[in-house]
Amino acid sequence: MMDWFPIVFFTFKVLVLATGMFFAVKWHYDQGKKEKKIEEEKRAVLRAAGKAAALFVVSLLGLALVTFVLLSRLSLDMSLP
């Protein structure tokens, strides 16, 4: 029994360590690809937020213009006190 134990034990140990190293390398490789994807997603989110902010400002200015024109047409007093 003692003759085959080191052979089986060290074979098992090598297989477990090789499998662990494979998955460690694979995980680090996938994390590198994920970081690049996250950077692209951040840019896309910032671009979309900028577009939404610009649209909000333009619509706010449009609303102010429509309000001013409407008040002028109705001959309402818009002077400051």
PDB file of N, CA and C in Angstrom:
ATOM      1  N   MET A   1       0.817  -1.187   0.000  1.00  0.00           N
ATOM      2  CA  MET A   1       0.000   0.000   0.000  1.00  0.00           C
ATOM      3  C   MET A   1       0.867   1.259   0.000  1.00  0.00           C
ATOM      4  N   MET A   2       1.919   1.253   0.709  1.00  0.00           N
ATOM      5  CA  MET A   2       2.772   2.424   0.791  1.00  0.00           C
ATOM      6  C   MET A   2       3.564   2.663  -0.499  1.00  0.00           C
ATOM      7  N   ASP A   3       3.646   1.668  -1.364  1.00  0.00           N
ATOM      8  CA  ASP A   3       4.436   1.820  -2.587  1.00  0.00           C
ATOM      9  C   ASP A   3       3.727   2.703  -3.616  1.00  0.00           C
ATOM     10  N   TRP A   4       2.439   2.613  -3.746  1.00  0.00           N
ATOM     11  CA  TRP A   4       1.727   3.361  -4.780  1.00  0.00           C
ATOM     12  C   TRP A   4       1.153   4.685  -4.278  1.00  0.00           C
ATOM     13  N   PHE A   5       1.113   4.898  -2.960  1.00  0.00           N
ATOM     14  CA  PHE A   5       0.541   6.127  -2.405  1.00  0.00           C
ATOM     15  C   PHE A   5       1.255   7.389  -2.912  1.00  0.00           C
ATOM     16  N   PRO A   6       2.589   7.479  -2.882  1.00  0.00           N
ATOM     17  CA  PRO A   6       3.242   8.706  -3.393  1.00  0.00           C
ATOM     18  C   PRO A   6       2.949   8.963  -4.875  1.00  0.00           C
ATOM     19  N   ILE A   7       2.851   7.920  -5.657  1.00  0.00           N
ATOM     20  CA  ILE A   7       2.586   8.090  -7.085  1.00  0.00           C
ATOM     21  C   ILE A   7       1.190   8.681  -7.298  1.00  0.00           C
ATOM     22  N   VAL A   8       0.195   8.122  -6.639  1.00  0.00           N
ATOM     23  CA  VAL A   8      -1.181   8.605  -6.762  1.00  0.00           C
ATOM     24  C   VAL A   8      -1.300  10.006  -6.164  1.00  0.00           C
ATOM     25  N   PHE A   9      -0.721  10.236  -4.999  1.00  0.00           N
ATOM     26  CA  PHE A   9      -0.806  11.520  -4.321  1.00  0.00           C
ATOM     27  C   PHE A   9      -0.183  12.637  -5.161  1.00  0.00           C
ATOM     28  N   PHE A  10       1.034  12.417  -5.657  1.00  0.00           N
ATOM     29  CA  PHE A  10       1.705  13.463  -6.433  1.00  0.00           C
ATOM     30  C   PHE A  10       1.057  13.670  -7.800  1.00  0.00           C
ATOM     31  N   THR A  11       0.522  12.612  -8.390  1.00  0.00           N
ATOM     32  CA  THR A  11      -0.202  12.752  -9.654  1.00  0.00           C
ATOM     33  C   THR A  11      -1.455  13.595  -9.442  1.00  0.00           C
ATOM     34  N   PHE A  12      -2.192  13.301  -8.390  1.00  0.00           N
ATOM     35  CA  PHE A  12      -3.389  14.077  -8.059  1.00  0.00           C
ATOM     36  C   PHE A  12      -3.028  15.528  -7.770  1.00  0.00           C
ATOM     37  N   LYS A  13      -1.953  15.726  -7.021  1.00  0.00           N
ATOM     38  CA  LYS A  13      -1.511  17.082  -6.680  1.00  0.00           C
ATOM     39  C   LYS A  13      -1.141  17.873  -7.941  1.00  0.00           C
ATOM     40  N   VAL A  14      -0.443  17.253  -8.871  1.00  0.00           N
ATOM     41  CA  VAL A  14      -0.062  17.930 -10.114  1.00  0.00           C
ATOM     42  C   VAL A  14      -1.300  18.270 -10.933  1.00  0.00           C
ATOM     43  N   LEU A  15      -2.262  17.364 -11.023  1.00  0.00           N
ATOM     44  CA  LEU A  15      -3.492  17.630 -11.763  1.00  0.00           C
ATOM     45  C   LEU A  15      -4.283  18.785 -11.155  1.00  0.00           C
ATOM     46  N   VAL A  16      -4.403  18.791  -9.834  1.00  0.00           N
ATOM     47  CA  VAL A  16      -5.149  19.863  -9.167  1.00  0.00           C
ATOM     48  C   VAL A  16      -4.448  21.206  -9.359  1.00  0.00           C
ATOM     49  N   LEU A  17      -3.138  21.253  -9.187  1.00  0.00           N
ATOM     50  CA  LEU A  17      -2.405  22.508  -9.365  1.00  0.00           C
ATOM     51  C   LEU A  17      -2.437  22.981 -10.818  1.00  0.00           C
ATOM     52  N   ALA A  18      -2.321  22.066 -11.776  1.00  0.00           N
ATOM     53  CA  ALA A  18      -2.381  22.456 -13.190  1.00  0.00           C
ATOM     54  C   ALA A  18      -3.760  23.003 -13.540  1.00  0.00           C
ATOM     55  N   THR A  19      -4.809  22.365 -13.025  1.00  0.00           N
ATOM     56  CA  THR A  19      -6.162  22.860 -13.272  1.00  0.00           C
ATOM     57  C   THR A  19      -6.347  24.238 -12.643  1.00  0.00           C
ATOM     58  N   GLY A  20      -5.859  24.415 -11.425  1.00  0.00           N
ATOM     59  CA  GLY A  20      -5.947  25.715 -10.751  1.00  0.00           C
ATOM     60  C   GLY A  20      -5.201  26.796 -11.512  1.00  0.00           C
ATOM     61  N   MET A  21      -4.014  26.477 -12.008  1.00  0.00           N
ATOM     62  CA  MET A  21      -3.246  27.465 -12.772  1.00  0.00           C
ATOM     63  C   MET A  21      -3.952  27.817 -14.079  1.00  0.00           C
ATOM     64  N   PHE A  22      -4.529  26.815 -14.735  1.00  0.00           N
ATOM     65  CA  PHE A  22      -5.247  27.083 -15.968  1.00  0.00           C
ATOM     66  C   PHE A  22      -6.391  28.057 -15.732  1.00  0.00           C
ATOM     67  N   PHE A  23      -7.201  27.791 -14.704  1.00  0.00           N
ATOM     68  CA  PHE A  23      -8.339  28.668 -14.446  1.00  0.00           C
ATOM     69  C   PHE A  23      -7.898  30.042 -13.927  1.00  0.00           C
ATOM     70  N   ALA A  24      -6.773  30.119 -13.227  1.00  0.00           N
ATOM     71  CA  ALA A  24      -6.260  31.423 -12.778  1.00  0.00           C
ATOM     72  C   ALA A  24      -5.838  32.270 -13.969  1.00  0.00           C
ATOM     73  N   VAL A  25      -5.127  31.670 -14.905  1.00  0.00           N
ATOM     74  CA  VAL A  25      -4.699  32.398 -16.102  1.00  0.00           C
ATOM     75  C   VAL A  25      -5.909  32.808 -16.925  1.00  0.00           C
ATOM     76  N   LYS A  26      -6.864  31.896 -17.082  1.00  0.00           N
ATOM     77  CA  LYS A  26      -8.075  32.198 -17.841  1.00  0.00           C
ATOM     78  C   LYS A  26      -8.850  33.339 -17.190  1.00  0.00           C
ATOM     79  N   TRP A  27      -8.964  33.332 -15.854  1.00  0.00           N
ATOM     80  CA  TRP A  27      -9.691  34.379 -15.137  1.00  0.00           C
ATOM     81  C   TRP A  27      -9.021  35.734 -15.339  1.00  0.00           C
ATOM     82  N   HIS A  28      -7.687  35.781 -15.232  1.00  0.00           N
ATOM     83  CA  HIS A  28      -6.985  37.049 -15.424  1.00  0.00           C
ATOM     84  C   HIS A  28      -7.120  37.546 -16.859  1.00  0.00           C
ATOM     85  N   TYR A  29      -7.080  36.641 -17.806  1.00  0.00           N
ATOM     86  CA  TYR A  29      -7.258  37.023 -19.206  1.00  0.00           C
ATOM     87  C   TYR A  29      -8.656  37.594 -19.428  1.00  0.00           C
ATOM     88  N   ASP A  30      -9.669  36.949 -18.876  1.00  0.00           N
ATOM     89  CA  ASP A  30     -11.045  37.435 -19.013  1.00  0.00           C
ATOM     90  C   ASP A  30     -11.237  38.779 -18.321  1.00  0.00           C
ATOM     91  N   GLN A  31     -10.577  38.998 -17.189  1.00  0.00           N
ATOM     92  CA  GLN A  31     -10.682  40.281 -16.489  1.00  0.00           C
ATOM     93  C   GLN A  31     -10.086  41.406 -17.323  1.00  0.00           C
ATOM     94  N   GLY A  32      -8.997  41.125 -18.028  1.00  0.00           N
ATOM     95  CA  GLY A  32      -8.399  42.134 -18.907  1.00  0.00           C
ATOM     96  C   GLY A  32      -9.347  42.521 -20.032  1.00  0.00           C
ATOM     97  N   LYS A  33     -10.023  41.542 -20.608  1.00  0.00           N
ATOM     98  CA  LYS A  33     -10.996  41.839 -21.657  1.00  0.00           C
ATOM     99  C   LYS A  33     -12.194  42.585 -21.086  1.00  0.00           C
ATOM    100  N   LYS A  34     -12.578  42.247 -19.860  1.00  0.00           N
ATOM    101  CA  LYS A  34     -13.730  42.886 -19.222  1.00  0.00           C
ATOM    102  C   LYS A  34     -13.446  44.353 -18.934  1.00  0.00           C
ATOM    103  N   GLU A  35     -12.214  44.681 -18.516  1.00  0.00           N
ATOM    104  CA  GLU A  35     -11.854  46.074 -18.230  1.00  0.00           C
ATOM    105  C   GLU A  35     -11.967  46.930 -19.479  1.00  0.00           C
ATOM    106  N   LYS A  36     -11.548  46.397 -20.615  1.00  0.00           N
ATOM    107  CA  LYS A  36     -11.660  47.148 -21.862  1.00  0.00           C
ATOM    108  C   LYS A  36     -13.117  47.376 -22.203  1.00  0.00           C
ATOM    109  N   LYS A  37     -13.951  46.371 -21.960  1.00  0.00           N
ATOM    110  CA  LYS A  37     -15.369  46.493 -22.243  1.00  0.00           C
ATOM    111  C   LYS A  37     -16.014  47.506 -21.298  1.00  0.00           C
ATOM    112  N   ILE A  38     -15.578  47.526 -20.038  1.00  0.00           N
ATOM    113  CA  ILE A  38     -16.127  48.477 -19.066  1.00  0.00           C
ATOM    114  C   ILE A  38     -15.783  49.903 -19.477  1.00  0.00           C
ATOM    115  N   GLU A  39     -14.556  50.128 -19.965  1.00  0.00           N
ATOM    116  CA  GLU A  39     -14.170  51.464 -20.411  1.00  0.00           C
ATOM    117  C   GLU A  39     -15.040  51.921 -21.579  1.00  0.00           C
ATOM    118  N   GLU A  40     -15.319  51.006 -22.498  1.00  0.00           N
ATOM    119  CA  GLU A  40     -16.179  51.361 -23.631  1.00  0.00           C
ATOM    120  C   GLU A  40     -17.599  51.665 -23.151  1.00  0.00           C
ATOM    121  N   GLU A  41     -18.080  50.891 -22.172  1.00  0.00           N
ATOM    122  CA  GLU A  41     -19.419  51.129 -21.638  1.00  0.00           C
ATOM    123  C   GLU A  41     -19.491  52.471 -20.907  1.00  0.00           C
ATOM    124  N   LYS A  42     -18.420  52.820 -20.178  1.00  0.00           N
ATOM    125  CA  LYS A  42     -18.393  54.117 -19.486  1.00  0.00           C
ATOM    126  C   LYS A  42     -18.489  55.260 -20.488  1.00  0.00           C
ATOM    127  N   ARG A  43     -17.751  55.145 -21.587  1.00  0.00           N
ATOM    128  CA  ARG A  43     -17.807  56.186 -22.618  1.00  0.00           C
ATOM    129  C   ARG A  43     -19.202  56.298 -23.205  1.00  0.00           C
ATOM    130  N   ALA A  44     -19.826  55.162 -23.447  1.00  0.00           N
ATOM    131  CA  ALA A  44     -21.175  55.176 -24.019  1.00  0.00           C
ATOM    132  C   ALA A  44     -22.172  55.800 -23.050  1.00  0.00           C
ATOM    133  N   VAL A  45     -22.044  55.493 -21.766  1.00  0.00           N
ATOM    134  CA  VAL A  45     -22.950  56.068 -20.765  1.00  0.00           C
ATOM    135  C   VAL A  45     -22.736  57.569 -20.652  1.00  0.00           C
ATOM    136  N   LEU A  46     -21.480  58.010 -20.643  1.00  0.00           N
ATOM    137  CA  LEU A  46     -21.201  59.442 -20.562  1.00  0.00           C
ATOM    138  C   LEU A  46     -21.716  60.175 -21.802  1.00  0.00           C
ATOM    139  N   ARG A  47     -21.567  59.551 -22.958  1.00  0.00           N
ATOM    140  CA  ARG A  47     -22.068  60.161 -24.193  1.00  0.00           C
ATOM    141  C   ARG A  47     -23.589  60.279 -24.150  1.00  0.00           C
ATOM    142  N   ALA A  48     -24.262  59.238 -23.682  1.00  0.00           N
ATOM    143  CA  ALA A  48     -25.725  59.271 -23.586  1.00  0.00           C
ATOM    144  C   ALA A  48     -26.176  60.303 -22.550  1.00  0.00           C
ATOM    145  N   ALA A  49     -25.471  60.411 -21.435  1.00  0.00           N
ATOM    146  CA  ALA A  49     -25.822  61.403 -20.422  1.00  0.00           C
ATOM    147  C   ALA A  49     -25.623  62.819 -20.957  1.00  0.00           C
ATOM    148  N   GLY A  50     -24.582  63.039 -21.733  1.00  0.00           N
ATOM    149  CA  GLY A  50     -24.356  64.352 -22.341  1.00  0.00           C
ATOM    150  C   GLY A  50     -25.456  64.710 -23.325  1.00  0.00           C
ATOM    151  N   LYS A  51     -25.875  63.726 -24.107  1.00  0.00           N
ATOM    152  CA  LYS A  51     -26.961  63.978 -25.057  1.00  0.00           C
ATOM    153  C   LYS A  51     -28.265  64.297 -24.318  1.00  0.00           C
ATOM    154  N   ALA A  52     -28.530  63.562 -23.242  1.00  0.00           N
ATOM    155  CA  ALA A  52     -29.751  63.809 -22.466  1.00  0.00           C
ATOM    156  C   ALA A  52     -29.718  65.191 -21.825  1.00  0.00           C
ATOM    157  N   ALA A  53     -28.553  65.601 -21.303  1.00  0.00           N
ATOM    158  CA  ALA A  53     -28.433  66.924 -20.690  1.00  0.00           C
ATOM    159  C   ALA A  53     -28.612  68.019 -21.745  1.00  0.00           C
ATOM    160  N   ALA A  54     -28.019  67.846 -22.913  1.00  0.00           N
ATOM    161  CA  ALA A  54     -28.167  68.828 -23.985  1.00  0.00           C
ATOM    162  C   ALA A  54     -29.630  68.920 -24.429  1.00  0.00           C
ATOM    163  N   LEU A  55     -30.293  67.792 -24.564  1.00  0.00           N
ATOM    164  CA  LEU A  55     -31.703  67.783 -24.937  1.00  0.00           C
ATOM    165  C   LEU A  55     -32.553  68.490 -23.880  1.00  0.00           C
ATOM    166  N   PHE A  56     -32.232  68.273 -22.610  1.00  0.00           N
ATOM    167  CA  PHE A  56     -32.959  68.934 -21.533  1.00  0.00           C
ATOM    168  C   PHE A  56     -32.789  70.445 -21.598  1.00  0.00           C
ATOM    169  N   VAL A  57     -31.566  70.914 -21.819  1.00  0.00           N
ATOM    170  CA  VAL A  57     -31.300  72.357 -21.886  1.00  0.00           C
ATOM    171  C   VAL A  57     -32.015  72.970 -23.088  1.00  0.00           C
ATOM    172  N   VAL A  58     -31.953  72.295 -24.229  1.00  0.00           N
ATOM    173  CA  VAL A  58     -32.620  72.819 -25.428  1.00  0.00           C
ATOM    174  C   VAL A  58     -34.134  72.870 -25.220  1.00  0.00           C
ATOM    175  N   SER A  59     -34.709  71.829 -24.627  1.00  0.00           N
ATOM    176  CA  SER A  59     -36.158  71.835 -24.392  1.00  0.00           C
ATOM    177  C   SER A  59     -36.546  72.886 -23.351  1.00  0.00           C
ATOM    178  N   LEU A  60     -35.691  73.122 -22.362  1.00  0.00           N
ATOM    179  CA  LEU A  60     -35.955  74.170 -21.371  1.00  0.00           C
ATOM    180  C   LEU A  60     -35.938  75.553 -22.025  1.00  0.00           C
ATOM    181  N   LEU A  61     -34.974  75.797 -22.905  1.00  0.00           N
ATOM    182  CA  LEU A  61     -34.931  77.069 -23.619  1.00  0.00           C
ATOM    183  C   LEU A  61     -36.138  77.226 -24.543  1.00  0.00           C
ATOM    184  N   GLY A  62     -36.530  76.132 -25.184  1.00  0.00           N
ATOM    185  CA  GLY A  62     -37.717  76.169 -26.054  1.00  0.00           C
ATOM    186  C   GLY A  62     -38.974  76.482 -25.256  1.00  0.00           C
ATOM    187  N   LEU A  63     -39.109  75.888 -24.085  1.00  0.00           N
ATOM    188  CA  LEU A  63     -40.265  76.156 -23.232  1.00  0.00           C
ATOM    189  C   LEU A  63     -40.279  77.620 -22.789  1.00  0.00           C
ATOM    190  N   ALA A  64     -39.103  78.158 -22.444  1.00  0.00           N
ATOM    191  CA  ALA A  64     -39.039  79.564 -22.044  1.00  0.00           C
ATOM    192  C   ALA A  64     -39.434  80.476 -23.211  1.00  0.00           C
ATOM    193  N   LEU A  65     -39.000  80.158 -24.406  1.00  0.00           N
ATOM    194  CA  LEU A  65     -39.345  80.958 -25.581  1.00  0.00           C
ATOM    195  C   LEU A  65     -40.846  80.887 -25.869  1.00  0.00           C
ATOM    196  N   VAL A  66     -41.415  79.688 -25.817  1.00  0.00           N
ATOM    197  CA  VAL A  66     -42.855  79.533 -26.054  1.00  0.00           C
ATOM    198  C   VAL A  66     -43.646  80.299 -24.995  1.00  0.00           C
ATOM    199  N   THR A  67     -43.210  80.217 -23.751  1.00  0.00           N
ATOM    200  CA  THR A  67     -43.894  80.947 -22.671  1.00  0.00           C
ATOM    201  C   THR A  67     -43.821  82.448 -22.899  1.00  0.00           C
ATOM    202  N   PHE A  68     -42.658  82.955 -23.282  1.00  0.00           N
ATOM    203  CA  PHE A  68     -42.495  84.382 -23.522  1.00  0.00           C
ATOM    204  C   PHE A  68     -43.388  84.842 -24.678  1.00  0.00           C
ATOM    205  N   VAL A  69     -43.410  84.071 -25.773  1.00  0.00           N
ATOM    206  CA  VAL A  69     -44.240  84.428 -26.931  1.00  0.00           C
ATOM    207  C   VAL A  69     -45.714  84.390 -26.550  1.00  0.00           C
ATOM    208  N   LEU A  70     -46.138  83.360 -25.827  1.00  0.00           N
ATOM    209  CA  LEU A  70     -47.534  83.237 -25.424  1.00  0.00           C
ATOM    210  C   LEU A  70     -47.953  84.400 -24.523  1.00  0.00           C
ATOM    211  N   LEU A  71     -47.096  84.769 -23.577  1.00  0.00           N
ATOM    212  CA  LEU A  71     -47.424  85.880 -22.691  1.00  0.00           C
ATOM    213  C   LEU A  71     -47.471  87.201 -23.459  1.00  0.00           C
ATOM    214  N   SER A  72     -46.608  87.358 -24.444  1.00  0.00           N
ATOM    215  CA  SER A  72     -46.627  88.582 -25.257  1.00  0.00           C
ATOM    216  C   SER A  72     -47.908  88.657 -26.084  1.00  0.00           C
ATOM    217  N   ARG A  73     -48.332  87.553 -26.656  1.00  0.00           N
ATOM    218  CA  ARG A  73     -49.553  87.534 -27.471  1.00  0.00           C
ATOM    219  C   ARG A  73     -50.806  87.805 -26.641  1.00  0.00           C
ATOM    220  N   LEU A  74     -50.784  87.360 -25.388  1.00  0.00           N
ATOM    221  CA  LEU A  74     -51.951  87.585 -24.535  1.00  0.00           C
ATOM    222  C   LEU A  74     -51.909  88.974 -23.857  1.00  0.00           C
ATOM    223  N   SER A  75     -50.898  89.760 -24.186  1.00  0.00           N
ATOM    224  CA  SER A  75     -50.723  91.118 -23.653  1.00  0.00           C
ATOM    225  C   SER A  75     -50.665  91.127 -22.134  1.00  0.00           C
ATOM    226  N   LEU A  76     -49.943  90.176 -21.573  1.00  0.00           N
ATOM    227  CA  LEU A  76     -49.771  90.141 -20.124  1.00  0.00           C
ATOM    228  C   LEU A  76     -48.551  90.961 -19.759  1.00  0.00           C
ATOM    229  N   ASP A  77     -48.566  91.551 -18.601  1.00  0.00           N
ATOM    230  CA  ASP A  77     -47.446  92.371 -18.130  1.00  0.00           C
ATOM    231  C   ASP A  77     -46.322  91.465 -17.667  1.00  0.00           C
ATOM    232  N   MET A  78     -45.162  91.548 -18.337  1.00  0.00           N
ATOM    233  CA  MET A  78     -44.021  90.713 -17.978  1.00  0.00           C
ATOM    234  C   MET A  78     -42.887  91.530 -17.372  1.00  0.00           C
ATOM    235  N   SER A  79     -43.166  92.770 -16.982  1.00  0.00           N
ATOM    236  CA  SER A  79     -42.107  93.598 -16.410  1.00  0.00           C
ATOM    237  C   SER A  79     -41.837  93.160 -14.977  1.00  0.00           C
ATOM    238  N   LEU A  80     -40.596  93.360 -14.591  1.00  0.00           N
ATOM    239  CA  LEU A  80     -40.222  93.016 -13.218  1.00  0.00           C
ATOM    240  C   LEU A  80     -40.657  94.123 -12.269  1.00  0.00           C
ATOM    241  N   PRO A  81     -41.078  93.790 -11.078  1.00  0.00           N
ATOM    242  CA  PRO A  81     -41.544  94.835 -10.150  1.00  0.00           C
ATOM    243  C   PRO A  81     -40.448  95.760  -9.676  1.00  0.00           C
TER     244      PRO A  81
END
